[in-house]
Amino acid sequence: MPRQPKSQHYIQRAYLEAFCDQTPNEKTGVLFLWVHSANHAVRRQIPKECAVENYFYGHELDNGQRSFLGETFLADLESALQAVC
């Protein structure tokens, strides 16, 4: 059975990583983004958790199953572009 990714980025993770604060988290050493919300709240978040929506590129087929063809294609494209970024 093909993998069924639930959490899908609608902005490429490598692109988000380019905007990370260059000072890593003091506890984890991980780079993070400053995320601003509509209510003017500001928080730190790692790129893996930014610009993500469940089943964003998956869609339901007529038989009730989910298709991940779009997600698979875009994930492969993103992997290929990693070398360019």
PDB file of N, CA and C in Angstrom:
ATOM      1  N   MET A   1       0.844  -1.189   0.000  1.00  0.00           N
ATOM      2  CA  MET A   1       0.000   0.000   0.000  1.00  0.00           C
ATOM      3  C   MET A   1       0.890   1.254   0.000  1.00  0.00           C
ATOM      4  N   PRO A   2       0.616   2.235  -0.893  1.00  0.00           N
ATOM      5  CA  PRO A   2       1.439   3.438  -0.931  1.00  0.00           C
ATOM      6  C   PRO A   2       1.266   4.260   0.340  1.00  0.00           C
ATOM      7  N   ARG A   3       2.285   5.049   0.638  1.00  0.00           N
ATOM      8  CA  ARG A   3       2.204   5.864   1.852  1.00  0.00           C
ATOM      9  C   ARG A   3       1.091   6.885   1.708  1.00  0.00           C
ATOM     10  N   GLN A   4       0.478   7.219   2.808  1.00  0.00           N
ATOM     11  CA  GLN A   4      -0.634   8.159   2.805  1.00  0.00           C
ATOM     12  C   GLN A   4      -0.308   9.328   3.718  1.00  0.00           C
ATOM     13  N   PRO A   5       0.404  10.326   3.192  1.00  0.00           N
ATOM     14  CA  PRO A   5       0.797  11.455   4.031  1.00  0.00           C
ATOM     15  C   PRO A   5      -0.418  12.276   4.459  1.00  0.00           C
ATOM     16  N   LYS A   6      -0.512  12.545   5.710  1.00  0.00           N
ATOM     17  CA  LYS A   6      -1.642  13.326   6.219  1.00  0.00           C
ATOM     18  C   LYS A   6      -1.281  14.808   6.219  1.00  0.00           C
ATOM     19  N   SER A   7      -0.136  15.131   6.764  1.00  0.00           N
ATOM     20  CA  SER A   7       0.289  16.510   6.923  1.00  0.00           C
ATOM     21  C   SER A   7       1.075  16.941   5.689  1.00  0.00           C
ATOM     22  N   GLN A   8       0.540  17.914   4.942  1.00  0.00           N
ATOM     23  CA  GLN A   8       1.158  18.313   3.682  1.00  0.00           C
ATOM     24  C   GLN A   8       1.454  19.810   3.681  1.00  0.00           C
ATOM     25  N   HIS A   9       2.676  20.176   3.249  1.00  0.00           N
ATOM     26  CA  HIS A   9       3.064  21.583   3.162  1.00  0.00           C
ATOM     27  C   HIS A   9       2.489  22.212   1.902  1.00  0.00           C
ATOM     28  N   TYR A  10       1.916  23.404   2.039  1.00  0.00           N
ATOM     29  CA  TYR A  10       1.496  24.131   0.853  1.00  0.00           C
ATOM     30  C   TYR A  10       2.527  25.195   0.477  1.00  0.00           C
ATOM     31  N   ILE A  11       3.564  25.338   1.278  1.00  0.00           N
ATOM     32  CA  ILE A  11       4.770  26.086   0.926  1.00  0.00           C
ATOM     33  C   ILE A  11       5.930  25.135   1.178  1.00  0.00           C
ATOM     34  N   GLN A  12       6.801  25.002   0.194  1.00  0.00           N
ATOM     35  CA  GLN A  12       7.904  24.048   0.278  1.00  0.00           C
ATOM     36  C   GLN A  12       8.730  24.272   1.543  1.00  0.00           C
ATOM     37  N   ARG A  13       9.009  23.183   2.251  1.00  0.00           N
ATOM     38  CA  ARG A  13       9.737  23.268   3.520  1.00  0.00           C
ATOM     39  C   ARG A  13      11.118  23.885   3.336  1.00  0.00           C
ATOM     40  N   ALA A  14      11.815  23.555   2.256  1.00  0.00           N
ATOM     41  CA  ALA A  14      13.138  24.133   1.998  1.00  0.00           C
ATOM     42  C   ALA A  14      13.039  25.652   1.838  1.00  0.00           C
ATOM     43  N   TYR A  15      11.966  26.119   1.242  1.00  0.00           N
ATOM     44  CA  TYR A  15      11.741  27.556   1.089  1.00  0.00           C
ATOM     45  C   TYR A  15      11.536  28.200   2.461  1.00  0.00           C
ATOM     46  N   LEU A  16      10.741  27.573   3.308  1.00  0.00           N
ATOM     47  CA  LEU A  16      10.519  28.091   4.657  1.00  0.00           C
ATOM     48  C   LEU A  16      11.819  28.145   5.453  1.00  0.00           C
ATOM     49  N   GLU A  17      12.658  27.120   5.291  1.00  0.00           N
ATOM     50  CA  GLU A  17      13.921  27.060   6.025  1.00  0.00           C
ATOM     51  C   GLU A  17      14.839  28.225   5.662  1.00  0.00           C
ATOM     52  N   ALA A  18      14.698  28.772   4.457  1.00  0.00           N
ATOM     53  CA  ALA A  18      15.527  29.911   4.038  1.00  0.00           C
ATOM     54  C   ALA A  18      15.173  31.178   4.817  1.00  0.00           C
ATOM     55  N   PHE A  19      13.997  31.213   5.435  1.00  0.00           N
ATOM     56  CA  PHE A  19      13.562  32.381   6.195  1.00  0.00           C
ATOM     57  C   PHE A  19      13.710  32.200   7.708  1.00  0.00           C
ATOM     58  N   CYS A  20      14.367  31.154   8.125  1.00  0.00           N
ATOM     59  CA  CYS A  20      14.543  30.905   9.556  1.00  0.00           C
ATOM     60  C   CYS A  20      15.451  31.946  10.188  1.00  0.00           C
ATOM     61  N   ASP A  21      15.169  32.231  11.439  1.00  0.00           N
ATOM     62  CA  ASP A  21      16.055  33.060  12.250  1.00  0.00           C
ATOM     63  C   ASP A  21      17.382  32.327  12.339  1.00  0.00           C
ATOM     64  N   GLN A  22      18.471  33.007  12.155  1.00  0.00           N
ATOM     65  CA  GLN A  22      19.780  32.356  12.162  1.00  0.00           C
ATOM     66  C   GLN A  22      20.286  32.023  13.566  1.00  0.00           C
ATOM     67  N   THR A  23      19.556  32.475  14.583  1.00  0.00           N
ATOM     68  CA  THR A  23      19.890  32.125  15.958  1.00  0.00           C
ATOM     69  C   THR A  23      19.037  30.926  16.354  1.00  0.00           C
ATOM     70  N   PRO A  24      19.654  29.764  16.587  1.00  0.00           N
ATOM     71  CA  PRO A  24      18.854  28.571  16.911  1.00  0.00           C
ATOM     72  C   PRO A  24      18.196  28.659  18.286  1.00  0.00           C
ATOM     73  N   ASN A  25      17.195  27.837  18.478  1.00  0.00           N
ATOM     74  CA  ASN A  25      16.529  27.721  19.771  1.00  0.00           C
ATOM     75  C   ASN A  25      17.578  27.363  20.815  1.00  0.00           C
ATOM     76  N   GLU A  26      17.563  28.063  21.923  1.00  0.00           N
ATOM     77  CA  GLU A  26      18.593  27.870  22.964  1.00  0.00           C
ATOM     78  C   GLU A  26      18.549  26.482  23.603  1.00  0.00           C
ATOM     79  N   LYS A  27      17.396  25.845  23.622  1.00  0.00           N
ATOM     80  CA  LYS A  27      17.278  24.524  24.241  1.00  0.00           C
ATOM     81  C   LYS A  27      17.518  23.385  23.254  1.00  0.00           C
ATOM     82  N   THR A  28      16.951  23.504  22.055  1.00  0.00           N
ATOM     83  CA  THR A  28      17.004  22.391  21.106  1.00  0.00           C
ATOM     84  C   THR A  28      18.050  22.550  20.014  1.00  0.00           C
ATOM     85  N   GLY A  29      18.504  23.785  19.786  1.00  0.00           N
ATOM     86  CA  GLY A  29      19.465  24.033  18.717  1.00  0.00           C
ATOM     87  C   GLY A  29      18.828  24.060  17.338  1.00  0.00           C
ATOM     88  N   VAL A  30      17.493  24.008  17.270  1.00  0.00           N
ATOM     89  CA  VAL A  30      16.768  23.986  16.006  1.00  0.00           C
ATOM     90  C   VAL A  30      16.487  25.415  15.542  1.00  0.00           C
ATOM     91  N   LEU A  31      16.600  25.632  14.230  1.00  0.00           N
ATOM     92  CA  LEU A  31      16.247  26.936  13.669  1.00  0.00           C
ATOM     93  C   LEU A  31      14.733  27.047  13.581  1.00  0.00           C
ATOM     94  N   PHE A  32      14.212  28.273  13.673  1.00  0.00           N
ATOM     95  CA  PHE A  32      12.766  28.470  13.674  1.00  0.00           C
ATOM     96  C   PHE A  32      12.395  29.730  12.912  1.00  0.00           C
ATOM     97  N   LEU A  33      11.129  29.831  12.600  1.00  0.00           N
ATOM     98  CA  LEU A  33      10.551  31.005  11.951  1.00  0.00           C
ATOM     99  C   LEU A  33       9.760  31.799  12.977  1.00  0.00           C
ATOM    100  N   TRP A  34       9.662  33.090  12.755  1.00  0.00           N
ATOM    101  CA  TRP A  34       8.747  33.907  13.536  1.00  0.00           C
ATOM    102  C   TRP A  34       7.454  33.964  12.760  1.00  0.00           C
ATOM    103  N   VAL A  35       6.365  33.481  13.327  1.00  0.00           N
ATOM    104  CA  VAL A  35       5.074  33.399  12.653  1.00  0.00           C
ATOM    105  C   VAL A  35       4.142  34.443  13.254  1.00  0.00           C
ATOM    106  N   HIS A  36       3.547  35.227  12.386  1.00  0.00           N
ATOM    107  CA  HIS A  36       2.617  36.283  12.801  1.00  0.00           C
ATOM    108  C   HIS A  36       1.217  35.862  12.398  1.00  0.00           C
ATOM    109  N   SER A  37       0.283  35.936  13.321  1.00  0.00           N
ATOM    110  CA  SER A  37      -1.095  35.532  13.023  1.00  0.00           C
ATOM    111  C   SER A  37      -1.976  36.767  12.823  1.00  0.00           C
ATOM    112  N   ALA A  38      -3.198  36.533  12.386  1.00  0.00           N
ATOM    113  CA  ALA A  38      -4.133  37.620  12.094  1.00  0.00           C
ATOM    114  C   ALA A  38      -4.444  38.470  13.331  1.00  0.00           C
ATOM    115  N   ASN A  39      -4.383  37.867  14.514  1.00  0.00           N
ATOM    116  CA  ASN A  39      -4.671  38.633  15.742  1.00  0.00           C
ATOM    117  C   ASN A  39      -3.409  39.286  16.311  1.00  0.00           C
ATOM    118  N   HIS A  40      -2.374  39.389  15.498  1.00  0.00           N
ATOM    119  CA  HIS A  40      -1.111  40.058  15.826  1.00  0.00           C
ATOM    120  C   HIS A  40      -0.259  39.309  16.844  1.00  0.00           C
ATOM    121  N   ALA A  41      -0.600  38.070  17.108  1.00  0.00           N
ATOM    122  CA  ALA A  41       0.238  37.256  17.984  1.00  0.00           C
ATOM    123  C   ALA A  41       1.472  36.805  17.200  1.00  0.00           C
ATOM    124  N   VAL A  42       2.597  36.743  17.879  1.00  0.00           N
ATOM    125  CA  VAL A  42       3.847  36.311  17.256  1.00  0.00           C
ATOM    126  C   VAL A  42       4.357  35.107  18.037  1.00  0.00           C
ATOM    127  N   ARG A  43       4.763  34.070  17.307  1.00  0.00           N
ATOM    128  CA  ARG A  43       5.286  32.876  17.973  1.00  0.00           C
ATOM    129  C   ARG A  43       6.405  32.283  17.124  1.00  0.00           C
ATOM    130  N   ARG A  44       7.222  31.470  17.753  1.00  0.00           N
ATOM    131  CA  ARG A  44       8.275  30.750  17.037  1.00  0.00           C
ATOM    132  C   ARG A  44       7.738  29.389  16.629  1.00  0.00           C
ATOM    133  N   GLN A  45       8.105  28.981  15.419  1.00  0.00           N
ATOM    134  CA  GLN A  45       7.641  27.684  14.941  1.00  0.00           C
ATOM    135  C   GLN A  45       8.694  27.099  13.999  1.00  0.00           C
ATOM    136  N   ILE A  46       8.868  25.781  14.064  1.00  0.00           N
ATOM    137  CA  ILE A  46       9.829  25.137  13.175  1.00  0.00           C
ATOM    138  C   ILE A  46       9.189  24.961  11.794  1.00  0.00           C
ATOM    139  N   PRO A  47      10.000  24.979  10.725  1.00  0.00           N
ATOM    140  CA  PRO A  47       9.452  24.879   9.370  1.00  0.00           C
ATOM    141  C   PRO A  47       8.578  23.647   9.139  1.00  0.00           C
ATOM    142  N   LYS A  48       8.898  22.560   9.809  1.00  0.00           N
ATOM    143  CA  LYS A  48       8.114  21.333   9.635  1.00  0.00           C
ATOM    144  C   LYS A  48       6.647  21.545  10.015  1.00  0.00           C
ATOM    145  N   GLU A  49       6.382  22.500  10.915  1.00  0.00           N
ATOM    146  CA  GLU A  49       5.024  22.738  11.410  1.00  0.00           C
ATOM    147  C   GLU A  49       4.359  23.962  10.779  1.00  0.00           C
ATOM    148  N   CYS A  50       5.054  24.640   9.867  1.00  0.00           N
ATOM    149  CA  CYS A  50       4.506  25.840   9.215  1.00  0.00           C
ATOM    150  C   CYS A  50       3.902  25.499   7.862  1.00  0.00           C
ATOM    151  N   ALA A  51       2.898  26.260   7.479  1.00  0.00           N
ATOM    152  CA  ALA A  51       2.279  26.132   6.157  1.00  0.00           C
ATOM    153  C   ALA A  51       1.879  24.688   5.877  1.00  0.00           C
ATOM    154  N   VAL A  52       1.208  24.069   6.841  1.00  0.00           N
ATOM    155  CA  VAL A  52       0.802  22.668   6.754  1.00  0.00           C
ATOM    156  C   VAL A  52      -0.713  22.564   6.898  1.00  0.00           C
ATOM    157  N   GLU A  53      -1.289  21.686   6.103  1.00  0.00           N
ATOM    158  CA  GLU A  53      -2.708  21.392   6.229  1.00  0.00           C
ATOM    159  C   GLU A  53      -2.901  19.905   5.975  1.00  0.00           C
ATOM    160  N   ASN A  54      -3.764  19.286   6.732  1.00  0.00           N
ATOM    161  CA  ASN A  54      -4.014  17.864   6.552  1.00  0.00           C
ATOM    162  C   ASN A  54      -4.680  17.591   5.206  1.00  0.00           C
ATOM    163  N   TYR A  55      -4.136  16.620   4.501  1.00  0.00           N
ATOM    164  CA  TYR A  55      -4.663  16.155   3.211  1.00  0.00           C
ATOM    165  C   TYR A  55      -4.840  17.285   2.194  1.00  0.00           C
ATOM    166  N   PHE A  56      -3.950  18.249   2.204  1.00  0.00           N
ATOM    167  CA  PHE A  56      -4.066  19.409   1.320  1.00  0.00           C
ATOM    168  C   PHE A  56      -4.053  19.010  -0.153  1.00  0.00           C
ATOM    169  N   TYR A  57      -3.171  18.074  -0.522  1.00  0.00           N
ATOM    170  CA  TYR A  57      -3.073  17.644  -1.918  1.00  0.00           C
ATOM    171  C   TYR A  57      -3.760  16.301  -2.167  1.00  0.00           C
ATOM    172  N   GLY A  58      -4.310  15.705  -1.150  1.00  0.00           N
ATOM    173  CA  GLY A  58      -5.042  14.450  -1.315  1.00  0.00           C
ATOM    174  C   GLY A  58      -6.491  14.752  -1.633  1.00  0.00           C
ATOM    175  N   HIS A  59      -7.114  13.900  -2.385  1.00  0.00           N
ATOM    176  CA  HIS A  59      -8.533  14.090  -2.657  1.00  0.00           C
ATOM    177  C   HIS A  59      -9.239  12.740  -2.643  1.00  0.00           C
ATOM    178  N   GLU A  60     -10.519  12.818  -2.407  1.00  0.00           N
ATOM    179  CA  GLU A  60     -11.306  11.588  -2.302  1.00  0.00           C
ATOM    180  C   GLU A  60     -11.810  11.167  -3.681  1.00  0.00           C
ATOM    181  N   LEU A  61     -11.644   9.884  -3.973  1.00  0.00           N
ATOM    182  CA  LEU A  61     -12.109   9.316  -5.236  1.00  0.00           C
ATOM    183  C   LEU A  61     -13.590   8.951  -5.131  1.00  0.00           C
ATOM    184  N   ASP A  62     -14.198   8.614  -6.264  1.00  0.00           N
ATOM    185  CA  ASP A  62     -15.608   8.238  -6.280  1.00  0.00           C
ATOM    186  C   ASP A  62     -15.901   7.025  -5.408  1.00  0.00           C
ATOM    187  N   ASN A  63     -14.905   6.137  -5.250  1.00  0.00           N
ATOM    188  CA  ASN A  63     -15.120   4.922  -4.452  1.00  0.00           C
ATOM    189  C   ASN A  63     -14.881   5.141  -2.956  1.00  0.00           C
ATOM    190  N   GLY A  64     -14.624   6.398  -2.551  1.00  0.00           N
ATOM    191  CA  GLY A  64     -14.444   6.710  -1.139  1.00  0.00           C
ATOM    192  C   GLY A  64     -13.012   6.636  -0.643  1.00  0.00           C
ATOM    193  N   GLN A  65     -12.097   6.123  -1.449  1.00  0.00           N
ATOM    194  CA  GLN A  65     -10.690   6.065  -1.053  1.00  0.00           C
ATOM    195  C   GLN A  65     -10.017   7.394  -1.345  1.00  0.00           C
ATOM    196  N   ARG A  66      -8.889   7.634  -0.680  1.00  0.00           N
ATOM    197  CA  ARG A  66      -8.121   8.858  -0.916  1.00  0.00           C
ATOM    198  C   ARG A  66      -7.062   8.612  -1.982  1.00  0.00           C
ATOM    199  N   SER A  67      -6.871   9.605  -2.829  1.00  0.00           N
ATOM    200  CA  SER A  67      -5.802   9.557  -3.822  1.00  0.00           C
ATOM    201  C   SER A  67      -4.701  10.509  -3.377  1.00  0.00           C
ATOM    202  N   PHE A  68      -3.474  10.033  -3.429  1.00  0.00           N
ATOM    203  CA  PHE A  68      -2.321  10.851  -3.044  1.00  0.00           C
ATOM    204  C   PHE A  68      -1.405  11.090  -4.240  1.00  0.00           C
ATOM    205  N   LEU A  69      -1.957  10.995  -5.433  1.00  0.00           N
ATOM    206  CA  LEU A  69      -1.176  11.170  -6.651  1.00  0.00           C
ATOM    207  C   LEU A  69      -0.540  12.563  -6.698  1.00  0.00           C
ATOM    208  N   GLY A  70      -1.328  13.588  -6.409  1.00  0.00           N
ATOM    209  CA  GLY A  70      -0.796  14.957  -6.409  1.00  0.00           C
ATOM    210  C   GLY A  70       0.284  15.141  -5.364  1.00  0.00           C
ATOM    211  N   GLU A  71       0.054  14.647  -4.161  1.00  0.00           N
ATOM    212  CA  GLU A  71       1.045  14.760  -3.084  1.00  0.00           C
ATOM    213  C   GLU A  71       2.316  14.023  -3.443  1.00  0.00           C
ATOM    214  N   THR A  72       2.194  12.829  -4.004  1.00  0.00           N
ATOM    215  CA  THR A  72       3.367  12.042  -4.376  1.00  0.00           C
ATOM    216  C   THR A  72       4.185  12.772  -5.429  1.00  0.00           C
ATOM    217  N   PHE A  73       3.523  13.308  -6.448  1.00  0.00           N
ATOM    218  CA  PHE A  73       4.210  14.046  -7.496  1.00  0.00           C
ATOM    219  C   PHE A  73       4.945  15.255  -6.923  1.00  0.00           C
ATOM    220  N   LEU A  74       4.247  16.041  -6.107  1.00  0.00           N
ATOM    221  CA  LEU A  74       4.855  17.250  -5.547  1.00  0.00           C
ATOM    222  C   LEU A  74       5.978  16.924  -4.564  1.00  0.00           C
ATOM    223  N   ALA A  75       5.844  15.855  -3.800  1.00  0.00           N
ATOM    224  CA  ALA A  75       6.907  15.446  -2.881  1.00  0.00           C
ATOM    225  C   ALA A  75       8.157  15.038  -3.653  1.00  0.00           C
ATOM    226  N   ASP A  76       7.968  14.315  -4.752  1.00  0.00           N
ATOM    227  CA  ASP A  76       9.106  13.927  -5.590  1.00  0.00           C
ATOM    228  C   ASP A  76       9.754  15.156  -6.216  1.00  0.00           C
ATOM    229  N   LEU A  77       8.946  16.101  -6.663  1.00  0.00           N
ATOM    230  CA  LEU A  77       9.461  17.334  -7.244  1.00  0.00           C
ATOM    231  C   LEU A  77      10.229  18.135  -6.200  1.00  0.00           C
ATOM    232  N   GLU A  78       9.690  18.227  -5.005  1.00  0.00           N
ATOM    233  CA  GLU A  78      10.364  18.954  -3.922  1.00  0.00           C
ATOM    234  C   GLU A  78      11.710  18.317  -3.604  1.00  0.00           C
ATOM    235  N   SER A  79      11.761  16.998  -3.564  1.00  0.00           N
ATOM    236  CA  SER A  79      13.024  16.303  -3.299  1.00  0.00           C
ATOM    237  C   SER A  79      14.040  16.591  -4.388  1.00  0.00           C
ATOM    238  N   ALA A  80      13.591  16.594  -5.633  1.00  0.00           N
ATOM    239  CA  ALA A  80      14.494  16.884  -6.750  1.00  0.00           C
ATOM    240  C   ALA A  80      15.008  18.319  -6.702  1.00  0.00           C
ATOM    241  N   LEU A  81      14.166  19.235  -6.227  1.00  0.00           N
ATOM    242  CA  LEU A  81      14.565  20.647  -6.149  1.00  0.00           C
ATOM    243  C   LEU A  81      15.485  20.948  -4.972  1.00  0.00           C
ATOM    244  N   GLN A  82      15.570  20.056  -4.005  1.00  0.00           N
ATOM    245  CA  GLN A  82      16.436  20.283  -2.838  1.00  0.00           C
ATOM    246  C   GLN A  82      17.863  20.570  -3.277  1.00  0.00           C
ATOM    247  N   ALA A  83      18.335  19.882  -4.306  1.00  0.00           N
ATOM    248  CA  ALA A  83      19.702  20.072  -4.785  1.00  0.00           C
ATOM    249  C   ALA A  83      19.910  21.461  -5.383  1.00  0.00           C
ATOM    250  N   VAL A  84      18.858  22.060  -5.909  1.00  0.00           N
ATOM    251  CA  VAL A  84      18.944  23.368  -6.528  1.00  0.00           C
ATOM    252  C   VAL A  84      18.910  24.485  -5.487  1.00  0.00           C
ATOM    253  N   CYS A  85      18.132  24.276  -4.442  1.00  0.00           N
ATOM    254  CA  CYS A  85      17.970  25.303  -3.397  1.00  0.00           C
ATOM    255  C   CYS A  85      19.205  25.470  -2.655  1.00  0.00           C
TER     256      CYS A  85
END
